[in-house]
Amino acid sequence: MNTIRLIVDSVKQETRDTSTFYLRPADGQKVVYEAGQFITLIFNHHHEEITRSYSLSSSPDEEWLSITVKRIQNGEISRYMLAHVKAGDELTAIQPAGRFVLPAEGQPRQLIYFAAGSGIVPIYAQLKHALRTKLDLQFTLVYSSQSNNDIIFRSSLDEMVAKYPDRLSVKYMISDEANRLNNLMLEKLVNQLTNKHYQDTLFYICGPFPYMRMVQFALHYMGVSADNIRKENFVLETIPVTSSITNFPPRKMRIYFKNEWHDLQAGENQSILQAALQNNIPLPYSCRSGACSACFARCTQGKVEVVSYEVLTPEDIKNGYILTCTGHPLTDDVEIRFS
């Protein structure tokens, strides 16, 4: 894996359980990324290597990187970050990755964001970048929080609304005030914003799994195409184990990585990523459960079954893209390419 060393320049407390860590590259070289992507930090914790992915709250046009970390119940690493990491500390990270990014030119010009809790982080980065650089995009943010004191980036979001009133509107949903987003409220709001022309809008979702599932199901029920929905899981402290009733026999495959071909065999029920790491091929990865896109690659020959793919869009799948952490070769002629 390509790693970078980052120095913590400063730490800013955002809410009672959330802080932003401002990071500068130790070698002084600017890190290239897209708004909405994440970085994966590598920790040696209790003599064990542990990785955790955190969305970048910074925009590519800003000087330094920043990540915003929320304390998660029983979250060992988030507790460690908030209690012990301070200015001057050095962190090791994998280069930014992720598919939760702004649309390409020519795609729908209206974006509706649904965020809950720390799910605001990659959306905040996108809004900062797009409002400064992509002048033809229109945004609506529906942001759910437990209380007013739990709203992350509240002052910055309000400043953006004041500066760009014709391009950004924000609706805060506060659970403690009996103002919790539900499917009926969502449908009414979306219909008002789109006049039921869903094909002209992209919907971005980020937050805890139950929240994302509710929003996604509501949009599907309304007839919104899966091609118009983008989603990103917030940081997972406990990584679920992917299970499948399918038995995958050993298969030969080829992987093109860092301008070199590698011929290897995946053992029985071994994922492409597991087989590569076992053969000392340092493919990128993070969650290992199909919940992020750090291991994103393309199958250019043969057949691969991906048993869990939270972040792949129908267009990705149509074009042969896979996740190696939950992908299994089905034939002996599989070729995988990393760009």
C-alpha atoms as a PDB file:
ATOM      1  CA  MET A   1       0.000   0.000   0.000  1.00  0.00           C
ATOM      2  CA  ASN A   2       1.151   3.543  -0.746  1.00  0.00           C
ATOM      3  CA  THR A   3       1.314   5.284   2.624  1.00  0.00           C
ATOM      4  CA  ILE A   4       1.802   8.920   3.561  1.00  0.00           C
ATOM      5  CA  ARG A   5       2.972  10.456   6.824  1.00  0.00           C
ATOM      6  CA  LEU A   6       0.806  13.221   8.226  1.00  0.00           C
ATOM      7  CA  ILE A   7       1.580  15.653  11.039  1.00  0.00           C
ATOM      8  CA  VAL A   8      -1.282  16.848  13.236  1.00  0.00           C
ATOM      9  CA  ASP A   9      -1.120  20.637  13.008  1.00  0.00           C
ATOM     10  CA  SER A  10      -4.068  21.396  15.289  1.00  0.00           C
ATOM     11  CA  VAL A  11      -7.257  19.919  16.723  1.00  0.00           C
ATOM     12  CA  LYS A  12     -10.589  21.760  16.851  1.00  0.00           C
ATOM     13  CA  GLN A  13     -13.489  20.555  18.962  1.00  0.00           C
ATOM     14  CA  GLU A  14     -16.718  20.749  16.951  1.00  0.00           C
ATOM     15  CA  THR A  15     -19.267  19.322  19.416  1.00  0.00           C
ATOM     16  CA  ARG A  16     -19.118  17.545  22.777  1.00  0.00           C
ATOM     17  CA  ASP A  17     -18.074  14.279  21.081  1.00  0.00           C
ATOM     18  CA  THR A  18     -16.606  15.377  17.738  1.00  0.00           C
ATOM     19  CA  SER A  19     -13.299  17.010  16.774  1.00  0.00           C
ATOM     20  CA  THR A  20     -11.551  17.994  13.553  1.00  0.00           C
ATOM     21  CA  PHE A  21      -7.880  17.096  13.086  1.00  0.00           C
ATOM     22  CA  TYR A  22      -5.948  19.350  10.686  1.00  0.00           C
ATOM     23  CA  LEU A  23      -3.144  17.423   8.989  1.00  0.00           C
ATOM     24  CA  ARG A  24      -0.150  18.454   6.894  1.00  0.00           C
ATOM     25  CA  PRO A  25       1.991  16.028   4.877  1.00  0.00           C
ATOM     26  CA  ALA A  26       5.344  15.404   6.547  1.00  0.00           C
ATOM     27  CA  ASP A  27       7.154  15.679   3.190  1.00  0.00           C
ATOM     28  CA  GLY A  28       5.446  18.953   2.270  1.00  0.00           C
ATOM     29  CA  GLN A  29       3.903  17.455  -0.887  1.00  0.00           C
ATOM     30  CA  LYS A  30       0.239  18.260  -1.527  1.00  0.00           C
ATOM     31  CA  VAL A  31      -2.065  15.246  -1.361  1.00  0.00           C
ATOM     32  CA  VAL A  32      -4.358  14.922  -4.379  1.00  0.00           C
ATOM     33  CA  TYR A  33      -7.963  13.858  -3.769  1.00  0.00           C
ATOM     34  CA  GLU A  34     -11.581  14.605  -4.614  1.00  0.00           C
ATOM     35  CA  ALA A  35     -14.119  16.218  -2.294  1.00  0.00           C
ATOM     36  CA  GLY A  36     -16.023  13.499  -0.445  1.00  0.00           C
ATOM     37  CA  GLN A  37     -13.244  10.909  -0.395  1.00  0.00           C
ATOM     38  CA  PHE A  38     -11.745   9.340   2.742  1.00  0.00           C
ATOM     39  CA  ILE A  39      -8.316   8.421   4.047  1.00  0.00           C
ATOM     40  CA  THR A  40      -7.454   5.268   5.939  1.00  0.00           C
ATOM     41  CA  LEU A  41      -5.309   5.627   9.051  1.00  0.00           C
ATOM     42  CA  ILE A  42      -3.030   2.798  10.167  1.00  0.00           C
ATOM     43  CA  PHE A  43      -2.520   2.262  13.895  1.00  0.00           C
ATOM     44  CA  ASN A  44      -0.318  -0.122  15.841  1.00  0.00           C
ATOM     45  CA  HIS A  45      -2.706  -0.694  18.720  1.00  0.00           C
ATOM     46  CA  HIS A  46      -1.902  -3.267  21.421  1.00  0.00           C
ATOM     47  CA  HIS A  47       0.734  -4.809  19.092  1.00  0.00           C
ATOM     48  CA  GLU A  48      -1.811  -5.219  16.313  1.00  0.00           C
ATOM     49  CA  GLU A  49      -2.145  -3.300  13.041  1.00  0.00           C
ATOM     50  CA  ILE A  50      -5.580  -1.705  12.820  1.00  0.00           C
ATOM     51  CA  THR A  51      -6.968   0.412   9.988  1.00  0.00           C
ATOM     52  CA  ARG A  52      -9.817   2.925  10.200  1.00  0.00           C
ATOM     53  CA  SER A  53     -11.254   5.039   7.393  1.00  0.00           C
ATOM     54  CA  TYR A  54     -12.347   8.624   8.002  1.00  0.00           C
ATOM     55  CA  SER A  55     -14.025  10.947   5.507  1.00  0.00           C
ATOM     56  CA  LEU A  56     -12.059  14.075   4.696  1.00  0.00           C
ATOM     57  CA  SER A  57     -13.797  17.227   5.874  1.00  0.00           C
ATOM     58  CA  SER A  58     -11.359  19.349   3.886  1.00  0.00           C
ATOM     59  CA  SER A  59     -11.790  20.484   0.297  1.00  0.00           C
ATOM     60  CA  PRO A  60      -9.105  19.826  -2.361  1.00  0.00           C
ATOM     61  CA  ASP A  61      -8.635  23.580  -2.775  1.00  0.00           C
ATOM     62  CA  GLU A  62      -7.709  23.995   0.902  1.00  0.00           C
ATOM     63  CA  GLU A  63      -4.112  24.016   2.127  1.00  0.00           C
ATOM     64  CA  TRP A  64      -4.197  21.011   4.430  1.00  0.00           C
ATOM     65  CA  LEU A  65      -6.161  17.836   4.916  1.00  0.00           C
ATOM     66  CA  SER A  66      -8.646  17.500   7.734  1.00  0.00           C
ATOM     67  CA  ILE A  67     -10.679  14.631   9.141  1.00  0.00           C
ATOM     68  CA  THR A  68     -13.568  15.022  11.557  1.00  0.00           C
ATOM     69  CA  VAL A  69     -13.938  12.218  14.094  1.00  0.00           C
ATOM     70  CA  LYS A  70     -17.006  11.501  16.199  1.00  0.00           C
ATOM     71  CA  ARG A  71     -16.745   9.359  19.313  1.00  0.00           C
ATOM     72  CA  ILE A  72     -18.566   6.092  18.674  1.00  0.00           C
ATOM     73  CA  GLN A  73     -19.976   4.005  21.498  1.00  0.00           C
ATOM     74  CA  ASN A  74     -17.534   1.164  22.157  1.00  0.00           C
ATOM     75  CA  GLY A  75     -15.328   2.599  19.400  1.00  0.00           C
ATOM     76  CA  GLU A  76     -11.771   1.875  20.471  1.00  0.00           C
ATOM     77  CA  ILE A  77     -10.017   3.978  17.838  1.00  0.00           C
ATOM     78  CA  SER A  78     -12.335   7.011  17.891  1.00  0.00           C
ATOM     79  CA  ARG A  79     -11.961   7.175  21.682  1.00  0.00           C
ATOM     80  CA  TYR A  80      -8.184   6.964  21.316  1.00  0.00           C
ATOM     81  CA  MET A  81      -8.132   9.699  18.660  1.00  0.00           C
ATOM     82  CA  LEU A  82     -10.212  12.132  20.693  1.00  0.00           C
ATOM     83  CA  ALA A  83      -8.447  11.453  23.995  1.00  0.00           C
ATOM     84  CA  HIS A  84      -4.813  11.156  22.963  1.00  0.00           C
ATOM     85  CA  VAL A  85      -3.969  12.484  19.471  1.00  0.00           C
ATOM     86  CA  LYS A  86      -2.669  16.063  19.685  1.00  0.00           C
ATOM     87  CA  ALA A  87      -0.812  18.701  17.699  1.00  0.00           C
ATOM     88  CA  GLY A  88       2.653  17.499  16.671  1.00  0.00           C
ATOM     89  CA  ASP A  89       1.732  13.808  16.539  1.00  0.00           C
ATOM     90  CA  GLU A  90       2.474  11.851  13.386  1.00  0.00           C
ATOM     91  CA  LEU A  91      -0.093   9.586  11.713  1.00  0.00           C
ATOM     92  CA  THR A  92       0.340   7.042   8.928  1.00  0.00           C
ATOM     93  CA  ALA A  93      -2.347   6.912   6.260  1.00  0.00           C
ATOM     94  CA  ILE A  94      -3.175   5.309   2.957  1.00  0.00           C
ATOM     95  CA  GLN A  95      -3.734   7.669   0.024  1.00  0.00           C
ATOM     96  CA  PRO A  96      -7.305   9.056  -0.250  1.00  0.00           C
ATOM     97  CA  ALA A  97      -9.881   6.883  -1.996  1.00  0.00           C
ATOM     98  CA  GLY A  98     -13.635   6.581  -2.381  1.00  0.00           C
ATOM     99  CA  ARG A  99     -16.459   6.864  -4.918  1.00  0.00           C
ATOM    100  CA  PHE A 100     -18.648   9.303  -2.962  1.00  0.00           C
ATOM    101  CA  VAL A 101     -17.662  12.315  -5.052  1.00  0.00           C
ATOM    102  CA  LEU A 102     -19.276  15.145  -6.996  1.00  0.00           C
ATOM    103  CA  PRO A 103     -20.897  14.316 -10.356  1.00  0.00           C
ATOM    104  CA  ALA A 104     -19.079  14.539 -13.640  1.00  0.00           C
ATOM    105  CA  GLU A 105     -19.848  17.315 -16.076  1.00  0.00           C
ATOM    106  CA  GLY A 106     -23.144  16.864 -17.897  1.00  0.00           C
ATOM    107  CA  GLN A 107     -24.894  14.956 -15.092  1.00  0.00           C
ATOM    108  CA  PRO A 108     -27.958  16.392 -13.242  1.00  0.00           C
ATOM    109  CA  ARG A 109     -27.382  19.870 -11.928  1.00  0.00           C
ATOM    110  CA  GLN A 110     -29.438  19.537  -8.738  1.00  0.00           C
ATOM    111  CA  LEU A 111     -28.117  17.607  -5.738  1.00  0.00           C
ATOM    112  CA  ILE A 112     -30.155  16.730  -2.670  1.00  0.00           C
ATOM    113  CA  TYR A 113     -28.100  15.591   0.323  1.00  0.00           C
ATOM    114  CA  PHE A 114     -29.451  13.515   3.203  1.00  0.00           C
ATOM    115  CA  ALA A 115     -27.027  13.427   6.137  1.00  0.00           C
ATOM    116  CA  ALA A 116     -27.295  12.257   9.731  1.00  0.00           C
ATOM    117  CA  GLY A 117     -24.776  12.731  12.537  1.00  0.00           C
ATOM    118  CA  SER A 118     -21.181  12.490  11.343  1.00  0.00           C
ATOM    119  CA  GLY A 119     -22.504  11.595   7.897  1.00  0.00           C
ATOM    120  CA  ILE A 120     -22.271  15.334   7.247  1.00  0.00           C
ATOM    121  CA  VAL A 121     -18.456  15.165   6.968  1.00  0.00           C
ATOM    122  CA  PRO A 122     -17.950  14.169   3.280  1.00  0.00           C
ATOM    123  CA  ILE A 123     -20.998  16.244   2.288  1.00  0.00           C
ATOM    124  CA  TYR A 124     -19.528  19.296   4.024  1.00  0.00           C
ATOM    125  CA  ALA A 125     -16.327  18.822   2.007  1.00  0.00           C
ATOM    126  CA  GLN A 126     -18.305  18.566  -1.230  1.00  0.00           C
ATOM    127  CA  LEU A 127     -20.368  21.667  -0.491  1.00  0.00           C
ATOM    128  CA  LYS A 128     -17.280  23.765   0.275  1.00  0.00           C
ATOM    129  CA  HIS A 129     -15.581  22.701  -2.934  1.00  0.00           C
ATOM    130  CA  ALA A 130     -18.586  22.837  -5.258  1.00  0.00           C
ATOM    131  CA  LEU A 131     -19.871  26.205  -4.101  1.00  0.00           C
ATOM    132  CA  ARG A 132     -16.448  27.693  -4.827  1.00  0.00           C
ATOM    133  CA  THR A 133     -15.719  25.960  -8.129  1.00  0.00           C
ATOM    134  CA  LYS A 134     -18.822  24.424  -9.757  1.00  0.00           C
ATOM    135  CA  LEU A 135     -20.992  27.422 -10.320  1.00  0.00           C
ATOM    136  CA  ASP A 136     -23.882  25.650 -12.065  1.00  0.00           C
ATOM    137  CA  LEU A 137     -24.793  23.158  -9.298  1.00  0.00           C
ATOM    138  CA  GLN A 138     -27.808  23.646  -6.993  1.00  0.00           C
ATOM    139  CA  PHE A 139     -27.857  22.041  -3.513  1.00  0.00           C
ATOM    140  CA  THR A 140     -30.327  21.147  -0.793  1.00  0.00           C
ATOM    141  CA  LEU A 141     -29.057  19.634   2.462  1.00  0.00           C
ATOM    142  CA  VAL A 142     -31.383  17.783   4.836  1.00  0.00           C
ATOM    143  CA  TYR A 143     -29.323  17.244   7.998  1.00  0.00           C
ATOM    144  CA  SER A 144     -30.570  15.134  10.918  1.00  0.00           C
ATOM    145  CA  SER A 145     -29.106  15.498  14.431  1.00  0.00           C
ATOM    146  CA  GLN A 146     -30.137  14.427  17.907  1.00  0.00           C
ATOM    147  CA  SER A 147     -30.094  17.995  19.266  1.00  0.00           C
ATOM    148  CA  ASN A 148     -29.027  21.476  18.227  1.00  0.00           C
ATOM    149  CA  ASN A 149     -25.800  21.009  20.180  1.00  0.00           C
ATOM    150  CA  ASP A 150     -24.981  17.946  18.073  1.00  0.00           C
ATOM    151  CA  ILE A 151     -25.025  19.753  14.717  1.00  0.00           C
ATOM    152  CA  ILE A 152     -21.501  19.499  13.315  1.00  0.00           C
ATOM    153  CA  PHE A 153     -20.267  22.522  11.289  1.00  0.00           C
ATOM    154  CA  ARG A 154     -23.432  24.508  12.136  1.00  0.00           C
ATOM    155  CA  SER A 155     -21.845  27.949  11.909  1.00  0.00           C
ATOM    156  CA  SER A 156     -19.977  27.130   8.679  1.00  0.00           C
ATOM    157  CA  LEU A 157     -23.108  25.720   7.044  1.00  0.00           C
ATOM    158  CA  ASP A 158     -25.100  28.813   8.012  1.00  0.00           C
ATOM    159  CA  GLU A 159     -22.357  31.026   6.575  1.00  0.00           C
ATOM    160  CA  MET A 160     -22.482  29.115   3.283  1.00  0.00           C
ATOM    161  CA  VAL A 161     -26.261  29.556   3.091  1.00  0.00           C
ATOM    162  CA  ALA A 162     -25.861  33.289   3.707  1.00  0.00           C
ATOM    163  CA  LYS A 163     -23.150  33.577   1.053  1.00  0.00           C
ATOM    164  CA  TYR A 164     -24.882  31.404  -1.565  1.00  0.00           C
ATOM    165  CA  PRO A 165     -28.634  31.811  -0.877  1.00  0.00           C
ATOM    166  CA  ASP A 166     -29.591  31.050  -4.481  1.00  0.00           C
ATOM    167  CA  ARG A 167     -27.588  27.821  -4.637  1.00  0.00           C
ATOM    168  CA  LEU A 168     -27.781  26.226  -1.177  1.00  0.00           C
ATOM    169  CA  SER A 169     -30.588  25.617   1.292  1.00  0.00           C
ATOM    170  CA  VAL A 170     -30.248  23.658   4.538  1.00  0.00           C
ATOM    171  CA  LYS A 171     -33.042  22.014   6.510  1.00  0.00           C
ATOM    172  CA  TYR A 172     -32.101  20.871  10.021  1.00  0.00           C
ATOM    173  CA  MET A 173     -34.036  17.908  11.442  1.00  0.00           C
ATOM    174  CA  ILE A 174     -33.746  17.749  15.259  1.00  0.00           C
ATOM    175  CA  SER A 175     -34.890  14.554  16.993  1.00  0.00           C
ATOM    176  CA  ASP A 176     -35.121  16.141  20.459  1.00  0.00           C
ATOM    177  CA  GLU A 177     -37.625  18.627  19.032  1.00  0.00           C
ATOM    178  CA  ALA A 178     -39.829  15.836  17.651  1.00  0.00           C
ATOM    179  CA  ASN A 179     -38.644  16.730  14.177  1.00  0.00           C
ATOM    180  CA  ARG A 180     -37.275  13.425  12.922  1.00  0.00           C
ATOM    181  CA  LEU A 181     -37.092  12.645   9.205  1.00  0.00           C
ATOM    182  CA  ASN A 182     -39.424   9.851   8.073  1.00  0.00           C
ATOM    183  CA  ASN A 183     -40.395   8.418   4.697  1.00  0.00           C
ATOM    184  CA  LEU A 184     -43.584  10.488   4.338  1.00  0.00           C
ATOM    185  CA  MET A 185     -41.781  13.733   5.139  1.00  0.00           C
ATOM    186  CA  LEU A 186     -38.970  12.768   2.765  1.00  0.00           C
ATOM    187  CA  GLU A 187     -41.371  12.064  -0.106  1.00  0.00           C
ATOM    188  CA  LYS A 188     -43.170  15.371   0.339  1.00  0.00           C
ATOM    189  CA  LEU A 189     -39.901  17.327   0.493  1.00  0.00           C
ATOM    190  CA  VAL A 190     -38.373  15.631  -2.550  1.00  0.00           C
ATOM    191  CA  ASN A 191     -41.508  16.138  -4.624  1.00  0.00           C
ATOM    192  CA  GLN A 192     -41.521  19.834  -3.750  1.00  0.00           C
ATOM    193  CA  LEU A 193     -37.871  20.225  -4.740  1.00  0.00           C
ATOM    194  CA  THR A 194     -37.990  18.203  -7.964  1.00  0.00           C
ATOM    195  CA  ASN A 195     -41.592  18.610  -9.126  1.00  0.00           C
ATOM    196  CA  LYS A 196     -41.431  14.783  -9.397  1.00  0.00           C
ATOM    197  CA  HIS A 197     -38.777  14.959 -12.137  1.00  0.00           C
ATOM    198  CA  TYR A 198     -36.431  12.633 -10.268  1.00  0.00           C
ATOM    199  CA  GLN A 199     -34.231  11.926 -13.285  1.00  0.00           C
ATOM    200  CA  ASP A 200     -32.906  15.497 -13.112  1.00  0.00           C
ATOM    201  CA  THR A 201     -31.591  15.145  -9.536  1.00  0.00           C
ATOM    202  CA  LEU A 202     -28.814  13.217  -7.807  1.00  0.00           C
ATOM    203  CA  PHE A 203     -29.436  12.077  -4.227  1.00  0.00           C
ATOM    204  CA  TYR A 204     -26.488  11.679  -1.834  1.00  0.00           C
ATOM    205  CA  ILE A 205     -26.947   9.762   1.446  1.00  0.00           C
ATOM    206  CA  CYS A 206     -24.537   9.444   4.356  1.00  0.00           C
ATOM    207  CA  GLY A 207     -25.102   8.454   7.976  1.00  0.00           C
ATOM    208  CA  PRO A 208     -25.783   5.457  10.228  1.00  0.00           C
ATOM    209  CA  PHE A 209     -26.997   2.336   8.441  1.00  0.00           C
ATOM    210  CA  PRO A 210     -30.669   2.433   9.617  1.00  0.00           C
ATOM    211  CA  TYR A 211     -30.959   6.053   8.477  1.00  0.00           C
ATOM    212  CA  MET A 212     -29.417   5.350   5.083  1.00  0.00           C
ATOM    213  CA  ARG A 213     -31.658   2.312   4.607  1.00  0.00           C
ATOM    214  CA  MET A 214     -34.787   4.365   5.370  1.00  0.00           C
ATOM    215  CA  VAL A 215     -33.822   7.114   2.918  1.00  0.00           C
ATOM    216  CA  GLN A 216     -32.814   4.668   0.197  1.00  0.00           C
ATOM    217  CA  PHE A 217     -36.000   2.583   0.521  1.00  0.00           C
ATOM    218  CA  ALA A 218     -38.135   5.744   0.437  1.00  0.00           C
ATOM    219  CA  LEU A 219     -36.429   6.979  -2.723  1.00  0.00           C
ATOM    220  CA  HIS A 220     -36.773   3.601  -4.432  1.00  0.00           C
ATOM    221  CA  TYR A 221     -40.461   3.435  -3.468  1.00  0.00           C
ATOM    222  CA  MET A 222     -40.969   6.844  -5.075  1.00  0.00           C
ATOM    223  CA  GLY A 223     -39.457   5.584  -8.308  1.00  0.00           C
ATOM    224  CA  VAL A 224     -36.012   7.176  -8.104  1.00  0.00           C
ATOM    225  CA  SER A 225     -33.541   5.211 -10.226  1.00  0.00           C
ATOM    226  CA  ALA A 226     -30.619   3.551  -8.461  1.00  0.00           C
ATOM    227  CA  ASP A 227     -28.369   5.387 -10.937  1.00  0.00           C
ATOM    228  CA  ASN A 228     -29.399   8.659  -9.284  1.00  0.00           C
ATOM    229  CA  ILE A 229     -28.497   7.600  -5.739  1.00  0.00           C
ATOM    230  CA  ARG A 230     -25.025   7.871  -4.177  1.00  0.00           C
ATOM    231  CA  LYS A 231     -24.355   6.593  -0.668  1.00  0.00           C
ATOM    232  CA  GLU A 232     -21.464   6.464   1.764  1.00  0.00           C
ATOM    233  CA  ASN A 233     -21.300   4.629   5.064  1.00  0.00           C
ATOM    234  CA  PHE A 234     -19.930   6.663   7.938  1.00  0.00           C
ATOM    235  CA  VAL A 235     -16.831   5.241   9.656  1.00  0.00           C
ATOM    236  CA  LEU A 236     -17.322   1.712  10.937  1.00  0.00           C
ATOM    237  CA  GLU A 237     -15.552   0.899  14.184  1.00  0.00           C
ATOM    238  CA  THR A 238     -16.767  -2.694  14.213  1.00  0.00           C
ATOM    239  CA  ILE A 239     -16.218  -4.389  10.890  1.00  0.00           C
ATOM    240  CA  PRO A 240     -18.900  -6.966  10.029  1.00  0.00           C
ATOM    241  CA  VAL A 241     -17.847 -10.320   8.686  1.00  0.00           C
ATOM    242  CA  THR A 242     -19.139 -10.977   5.199  1.00  0.00           C
ATOM    243  CA  SER A 243     -20.798 -14.349   4.915  1.00  0.00           C
ATOM    244  CA  SER A 244     -22.115 -16.225   1.918  1.00  0.00           C
ATOM    245  CA  ILE A 245     -23.851 -19.552   1.464  1.00  0.00           C
ATOM    246  CA  THR A 246     -21.932 -19.958  -1.806  1.00  0.00           C
ATOM    247  CA  ASN A 247     -18.803 -22.083  -1.816  1.00  0.00           C
ATOM    248  CA  PHE A 248     -16.049 -20.689  -4.032  1.00  0.00           C
ATOM    249  CA  PRO A 249     -13.519 -23.304  -5.263  1.00  0.00           C
ATOM    250  CA  PRO A 250      -9.847 -22.422  -5.884  1.00  0.00           C
ATOM    251  CA  ARG A 251      -9.306 -20.362  -9.048  1.00  0.00           C
ATOM    252  CA  LYS A 252      -6.339 -18.972 -10.969  1.00  0.00           C
ATOM    253  CA  MET A 253      -6.261 -15.256 -11.739  1.00  0.00           C
ATOM    254  CA  ARG A 254      -4.065 -12.382 -12.865  1.00  0.00           C
ATOM    255  CA  ILE A 255      -3.794  -8.962 -11.211  1.00  0.00           C
ATOM    256  CA  TYR A 256      -2.323  -5.877 -12.861  1.00  0.00           C
ATOM    257  CA  PHE A 257      -1.029  -3.626 -10.100  1.00  0.00           C
ATOM    258  CA  LYS A 258       1.593  -0.873 -10.200  1.00  0.00           C
ATOM    259  CA  ASN A 259       2.418  -1.584 -13.867  1.00  0.00           C
ATOM    260  CA  GLU A 260       3.134  -5.252 -13.215  1.00  0.00           C
ATOM    261  CA  TRP A 261       1.207  -8.490 -13.795  1.00  0.00           C
ATOM    262  CA  HIS A 262       0.907 -11.001 -10.933  1.00  0.00           C
ATOM    263  CA  ASP A 263      -0.231 -14.594 -11.520  1.00  0.00           C
ATOM    264  CA  LEU A 264      -1.686 -16.281  -8.455  1.00  0.00           C
ATOM    265  CA  GLN A 265      -4.412 -18.560  -7.179  1.00  0.00           C
ATOM    266  CA  ALA A 266      -7.251 -17.779  -4.810  1.00  0.00           C
ATOM    267  CA  GLY A 267      -7.789 -20.619  -2.363  1.00  0.00           C
ATOM    268  CA  GLU A 268     -11.173 -22.060  -1.490  1.00  0.00           C
ATOM    269  CA  ASN A 269     -13.534 -19.266  -0.364  1.00  0.00           C
ATOM    270  CA  GLN A 270     -10.641 -16.800  -0.476  1.00  0.00           C
ATOM    271  CA  SER A 271     -11.389 -13.297  -1.725  1.00  0.00           C
ATOM    272  CA  ILE A 272      -9.237 -11.653  -4.375  1.00  0.00           C
ATOM    273  CA  LEU A 273      -7.823  -9.302  -1.735  1.00  0.00           C
ATOM    274  CA  GLN A 274      -6.998 -12.131   0.681  1.00  0.00           C
ATOM    275  CA  ALA A 275      -5.202 -14.071  -2.041  1.00  0.00           C
ATOM    276  CA  ALA A 276      -3.204 -11.023  -3.102  1.00  0.00           C
ATOM    277  CA  LEU A 277      -2.111 -10.116   0.428  1.00  0.00           C
ATOM    278  CA  GLN A 278      -1.139 -13.746   1.077  1.00  0.00           C
ATOM    279  CA  ASN A 279       1.130 -13.499  -1.974  1.00  0.00           C
ATOM    280  CA  ASN A 280       2.702 -10.238  -0.734  1.00  0.00           C
ATOM    281  CA  ILE A 281       0.897  -8.070  -3.298  1.00  0.00           C
ATOM    282  CA  PRO A 282       0.084  -4.897  -1.285  1.00  0.00           C
ATOM    283  CA  LEU A 283      -3.327  -4.070  -2.756  1.00  0.00           C
ATOM    284  CA  PRO A 284      -5.138  -1.122  -1.143  1.00  0.00           C
ATOM    285  CA  TYR A 285      -7.925  -1.905   1.309  1.00  0.00           C
ATOM    286  CA  SER A 286      -9.715  -0.596   4.359  1.00  0.00           C
ATOM    287  CA  CYS A 287     -12.989  -2.066   5.641  1.00  0.00           C
ATOM    288  CA  ARG A 288     -12.690  -5.558   4.041  1.00  0.00           C
ATOM    289  CA  SER A 289     -16.496  -5.836   4.100  1.00  0.00           C
ATOM    290  CA  GLY A 290     -17.674  -4.086   0.936  1.00  0.00           C
ATOM    291  CA  ALA A 291     -18.665  -0.927   2.818  1.00  0.00           C
ATOM    292  CA  CYS A 292     -16.045   1.406   1.317  1.00  0.00           C
ATOM    293  CA  SER A 293     -14.251   1.520  -2.030  1.00  0.00           C
ATOM    294  CA  ALA A 294     -10.582   1.485  -1.088  1.00  0.00           C
ATOM    295  CA  CYS A 295     -10.118  -1.839  -2.952  1.00  0.00           C
ATOM    296  CA  PHE A 296     -12.023  -0.701  -6.061  1.00  0.00           C
ATOM    297  CA  ALA A 297     -10.718  -2.328  -9.280  1.00  0.00           C
ATOM    298  CA  ARG A 298     -11.925  -3.475 -12.693  1.00  0.00           C
ATOM    299  CA  CYS A 299     -12.423  -7.007 -13.966  1.00  0.00           C
ATOM    300  CA  THR A 300     -11.392  -6.936 -17.633  1.00  0.00           C
ATOM    301  CA  GLN A 301     -11.668 -10.667 -18.302  1.00  0.00           C
ATOM    302  CA  GLY A 302     -13.453 -13.641 -16.763  1.00  0.00           C
ATOM    303  CA  LYS A 303     -16.183 -13.600 -14.150  1.00  0.00           C
ATOM    304  CA  VAL A 304     -16.101 -12.360 -10.559  1.00  0.00           C
ATOM    305  CA  GLU A 305     -18.854 -12.536  -7.948  1.00  0.00           C
ATOM    306  CA  VAL A 306     -18.934  -9.709  -5.415  1.00  0.00           C
ATOM    307  CA  VAL A 307     -20.925 -10.864  -2.397  1.00  0.00           C
ATOM    308  CA  SER A 308     -21.202  -7.432  -0.746  1.00  0.00           C
ATOM    309  CA  TYR A 309     -20.948  -4.116  -2.576  1.00  0.00           C
ATOM    310  CA  GLU A 310     -22.513  -1.231  -0.640  1.00  0.00           C
ATOM    311  CA  VAL A 311     -20.784   1.464  -2.667  1.00  0.00           C
ATOM    312  CA  LEU A 312     -20.964   0.163  -6.243  1.00  0.00           C
ATOM    313  CA  THR A 313     -23.516   1.812  -8.489  1.00  0.00           C
ATOM    314  CA  PRO A 314     -25.366  -0.066 -11.267  1.00  0.00           C
ATOM    315  CA  GLU A 315     -23.179   1.804 -13.751  1.00  0.00           C
ATOM    316  CA  ASP A 316     -20.020   0.607 -11.955  1.00  0.00           C
ATOM    317  CA  ILE A 317     -21.206  -3.003 -12.092  1.00  0.00           C
ATOM    318  CA  LYS A 318     -22.178  -2.675 -15.767  1.00  0.00           C
ATOM    319  CA  ASN A 319     -18.654  -1.455 -16.551  1.00  0.00           C
ATOM    320  CA  GLY A 320     -16.977  -4.375 -14.771  1.00  0.00           C
ATOM    321  CA  TYR A 321     -15.896  -2.664 -11.564  1.00  0.00           C
ATOM    322  CA  ILE A 322     -15.594  -4.799  -8.438  1.00  0.00           C
ATOM    323  CA  LEU A 323     -14.492  -4.711  -4.807  1.00  0.00           C
ATOM    324  CA  THR A 324     -11.608  -7.113  -4.274  1.00  0.00           C
ATOM    325  CA  CYS A 325     -12.306  -7.518  -0.543  1.00  0.00           C
ATOM    326  CA  THR A 326     -15.609  -9.312  -1.202  1.00  0.00           C
ATOM    327  CA  GLY A 327     -14.942 -10.406  -4.777  1.00  0.00           C
ATOM    328  CA  HIS A 328     -14.322 -14.057  -5.680  1.00  0.00           C
ATOM    329  CA  PRO A 329     -13.112 -15.324  -9.081  1.00  0.00           C
ATOM    330  CA  LEU A 330     -15.609 -17.684 -10.727  1.00  0.00           C
ATOM    331  CA  THR A 331     -13.426 -18.706 -13.681  1.00  0.00           C
ATOM    332  CA  ASP A 332      -9.723 -19.434 -14.234  1.00  0.00           C
ATOM    333  CA  ASP A 333      -9.254 -16.612 -16.742  1.00  0.00           C
ATOM    334  CA  VAL A 334      -9.981 -13.675 -14.426  1.00  0.00           C
ATOM    335  CA  GLU A 335      -7.930 -10.524 -14.949  1.00  0.00           C
ATOM    336  CA  ILE A 336      -8.113  -7.636 -12.482  1.00  0.00           C
ATOM    337  CA  ARG A 337      -6.708  -4.188 -13.202  1.00  0.00           C
ATOM    338  CA  PHE A 338      -5.978  -1.341 -10.806  1.00  0.00           C
ATOM    339  CA  SER A 339      -5.815   2.101 -12.392  1.00  0.00           C
END
